Amino acid sequence: MLASLLAANTPTSYIEHVALDLAQLEKQFTSRNSEELHAPAIASAFERLKARSKQLQAVPLVPVHPDPNTKNILLTSDSLLMVDWDDIQLSDPMRDAGLLPLI
């Protein structure tokens, strides 16, 4: 039910989701006026990233926490609980874990 509510305002397919994220990243990339950022090696790497994104295996989108960090996690006697769900969104299920720092 939660995923259905969240789907009203966001892409519901993995392919659309990745395309939207890449478009936002490209907008940020092109808006920066940095000689180092626009070096041929970095521009080439970004183009490879866009090309490879089309080969990703699609997964069902699930509700995720866009800001997982130690300030938003409570430790109980037997589990971890995420709090502060103000910006909940549909995304790849690994997005929460992928944003956590390595300890």
C-alpha atoms as a PDB file:
ATOM      1  CA  MET A   1       0.000   0.000   0.000  1.00  0.00           C
ATOM      2  CA  LEU A   2       2.833   2.389   0.853  1.00  0.00           C
ATOM      3  CA  ALA A   3       4.546   1.728  -2.494  1.00  0.00           C
ATOM      4  CA  SER A   4       1.276   2.523  -4.299  1.00  0.00           C
ATOM      5  CA  LEU A   5       0.971   5.844  -2.490  1.00  0.00           C
ATOM      6  CA  LEU A   6       4.570   6.755  -3.301  1.00  0.00           C
ATOM      7  CA  ALA A   7       4.176   5.725  -6.948  1.00  0.00           C
ATOM      8  CA  ALA A   8       1.700   8.550  -7.549  1.00  0.00           C
ATOM      9  CA  ASN A   9       4.530  11.110  -7.835  1.00  0.00           C
ATOM     10  CA  THR A  10       7.512   9.115  -9.105  1.00  0.00           C
ATOM     11  CA  PRO A  11       8.541   6.757 -11.893  1.00  0.00           C
ATOM     12  CA  THR A  12       7.348   3.252 -11.125  1.00  0.00           C
ATOM     13  CA  SER A  13       9.712   1.251 -13.317  1.00  0.00           C
ATOM     14  CA  TYR A  14      13.371   0.649 -12.581  1.00  0.00           C
ATOM     15  CA  ILE A  15      14.367   1.819 -16.071  1.00  0.00           C
ATOM     16  CA  GLU A  16      12.506   5.124 -15.622  1.00  0.00           C
ATOM     17  CA  HIS A  17      13.994   5.539 -12.160  1.00  0.00           C
ATOM     18  CA  VAL A  18      17.578   5.063 -13.381  1.00  0.00           C
ATOM     19  CA  ALA A  19      16.982   7.370 -16.363  1.00  0.00           C
ATOM     20  CA  LEU A  20      15.651  10.107 -14.067  1.00  0.00           C
ATOM     21  CA  ASP A  21      18.623   9.768 -11.695  1.00  0.00           C
ATOM     22  CA  LEU A  22      21.063   9.932 -14.617  1.00  0.00           C
ATOM     23  CA  ALA A  23      19.313  12.988 -16.041  1.00  0.00           C
ATOM     24  CA  GLN A  24      19.598  14.766 -12.696  1.00  0.00           C
ATOM     25  CA  LEU A  25      23.254  13.776 -12.404  1.00  0.00           C
ATOM     26  CA  GLU A  26      23.950  15.001 -15.931  1.00  0.00           C
ATOM     27  CA  LYS A  27      22.249  18.319 -15.178  1.00  0.00           C
ATOM     28  CA  GLN A  28      24.471  18.765 -12.116  1.00  0.00           C
ATOM     29  CA  PHE A  29      27.532  17.648 -14.063  1.00  0.00           C
ATOM     30  CA  THR A  30      26.979  20.101 -16.925  1.00  0.00           C
ATOM     31  CA  SER A  31      26.085  23.018 -14.629  1.00  0.00           C
ATOM     32  CA  ARG A  32      29.456  22.909 -12.855  1.00  0.00           C
ATOM     33  CA  ASN A  33      32.142  25.215 -14.163  1.00  0.00           C
ATOM     34  CA  SER A  34      35.167  23.163 -13.239  1.00  0.00           C
ATOM     35  CA  GLU A  35      38.004  22.432 -15.591  1.00  0.00           C
ATOM     36  CA  GLU A  36      38.902  19.233 -13.724  1.00  0.00           C
ATOM     37  CA  LEU A  37      35.311  17.979 -13.769  1.00  0.00           C
ATOM     38  CA  HIS A  38      35.008  18.439 -17.518  1.00  0.00           C
ATOM     39  CA  ALA A  39      38.292  16.710 -18.305  1.00  0.00           C
ATOM     40  CA  PRO A  40      38.019  14.203 -21.178  1.00  0.00           C
ATOM     41  CA  ALA A  41      38.597  11.210 -18.877  1.00  0.00           C
ATOM     42  CA  ILE A  42      35.726  12.179 -16.576  1.00  0.00           C
ATOM     43  CA  ALA A  43      33.389  13.033 -19.444  1.00  0.00           C
ATOM     44  CA  SER A  44      34.213   9.689 -21.048  1.00  0.00           C
ATOM     45  CA  ALA A  45      33.576   7.840 -17.774  1.00  0.00           C
ATOM     46  CA  PHE A  46      30.181   9.532 -17.447  1.00  0.00           C
ATOM     47  CA  GLU A  47      29.254   8.490 -20.986  1.00  0.00           C
ATOM     48  CA  ARG A  48      30.246   4.880 -20.159  1.00  0.00           C
ATOM     49  CA  LEU A  49      28.098   5.059 -17.014  1.00  0.00           C
ATOM     50  CA  LYS A  50      25.083   6.167 -19.076  1.00  0.00           C
ATOM     51  CA  ALA A  51      25.672   3.407 -21.632  1.00  0.00           C
ATOM     52  CA  ARG A  52      26.080   0.715 -18.971  1.00  0.00           C
ATOM     53  CA  SER A  53      22.967   1.869 -17.130  1.00  0.00           C
ATOM     54  CA  LYS A  54      20.909   0.367 -19.940  1.00  0.00           C
ATOM     55  CA  GLN A  55      22.313  -3.072 -19.058  1.00  0.00           C
ATOM     56  CA  LEU A  56      21.297  -3.015 -15.377  1.00  0.00           C
ATOM     57  CA  GLN A  57      19.058  -5.803 -14.207  1.00  0.00           C
ATOM     58  CA  ALA A  58      15.713  -4.319 -13.229  1.00  0.00           C
ATOM     59  CA  VAL A  59      14.493  -4.829  -9.681  1.00  0.00           C
ATOM     60  CA  PRO A  60      11.150  -3.896  -8.127  1.00  0.00           C
ATOM     61  CA  LEU A  61      11.216  -0.444  -6.563  1.00  0.00           C
ATOM     62  CA  VAL A  62      10.519  -0.331  -2.829  1.00  0.00           C
ATOM     63  CA  PRO A  63      10.089   2.439  -0.232  1.00  0.00           C
ATOM     64  CA  VAL A  64      13.565   3.592   0.853  1.00  0.00           C
ATOM     65  CA  HIS A  65      15.056   6.142   3.232  1.00  0.00           C
ATOM     66  CA  PRO A  66      16.951   8.763   1.190  1.00  0.00           C
ATOM     67  CA  ASP A  67      19.178   9.810   4.091  1.00  0.00           C
ATOM     68  CA  PRO A  68      20.381   6.730   5.960  1.00  0.00           C
ATOM     69  CA  ASN A  69      23.002   7.789   8.458  1.00  0.00           C
ATOM     70  CA  THR A  70      23.822   7.131  12.075  1.00  0.00           C
ATOM     71  CA  LYS A  71      21.641  10.046  13.218  1.00  0.00           C
ATOM     72  CA  ASN A  72      18.591   8.401  11.619  1.00  0.00           C
ATOM     73  CA  ILE A  73      19.123   4.911  13.034  1.00  0.00           C
ATOM     74  CA  LEU A  74      18.060   3.646  16.438  1.00  0.00           C
ATOM     75  CA  LEU A  75      19.666   0.559  17.920  1.00  0.00           C
ATOM     76  CA  THR A  76      17.387  -1.628  20.029  1.00  0.00           C
ATOM     77  CA  SER A  77      18.284  -4.799  21.885  1.00  0.00           C
ATOM     78  CA  ASP A  78      17.744  -6.907  18.757  1.00  0.00           C
ATOM     79  CA  SER A  79      17.405  -4.653  15.701  1.00  0.00           C
ATOM     80  CA  LEU A  80      18.163  -1.416  13.897  1.00  0.00           C
ATOM     81  CA  LEU A  81      15.282   0.981  13.238  1.00  0.00           C
ATOM     82  CA  MET A  82      15.398   3.811  10.733  1.00  0.00           C
ATOM     83  CA  VAL A  83      13.678   7.068  11.736  1.00  0.00           C
ATOM     84  CA  ASP A  84      13.049  10.443  10.059  1.00  0.00           C
ATOM     85  CA  TRP A  85      11.164   9.252   6.983  1.00  0.00           C
ATOM     86  CA  ASP A  86      10.224  12.758   5.773  1.00  0.00           C
ATOM     87  CA  ASP A  87      11.631  12.199   2.279  1.00  0.00           C
ATOM     88  CA  ILE A  88      10.637   8.557   1.733  1.00  0.00           C
ATOM     89  CA  GLN A  89      10.731   7.517  -1.942  1.00  0.00           C
ATOM     90  CA  LEU A  90      10.527   4.518  -4.254  1.00  0.00           C
ATOM     91  CA  SER A  91      13.933   3.293  -5.303  1.00  0.00           C
ATOM     92  CA  ASP A  92      16.270   0.337  -5.651  1.00  0.00           C
ATOM     93  CA  PRO A  93      16.125  -1.750  -2.456  1.00  0.00           C
ATOM     94  CA  MET A  94      19.921  -1.448  -2.058  1.00  0.00           C
ATOM     95  CA  ARG A  95      19.795   2.353  -2.004  1.00  0.00           C
ATOM     96  CA  ASP A  96      19.477   2.492   1.783  1.00  0.00           C
ATOM     97  CA  ALA A  97      22.433   0.183   2.327  1.00  0.00           C
ATOM     98  CA  GLY A  98      24.500   1.718  -0.464  1.00  0.00           C
ATOM     99  CA  LEU A  99      24.452   5.150   1.175  1.00  0.00           C
ATOM    100  CA  LEU A 100      25.631   3.933   4.572  1.00  0.00           C
ATOM    101  CA  PRO A 101      29.300   4.561   5.326  1.00  0.00           C
ATOM    102  CA  LEU A 102      31.527   1.550   5.625  1.00  0.00           C
ATOM    103  CA  ILE A 103      32.477   0.849   9.193  1.00  0.00           C
END
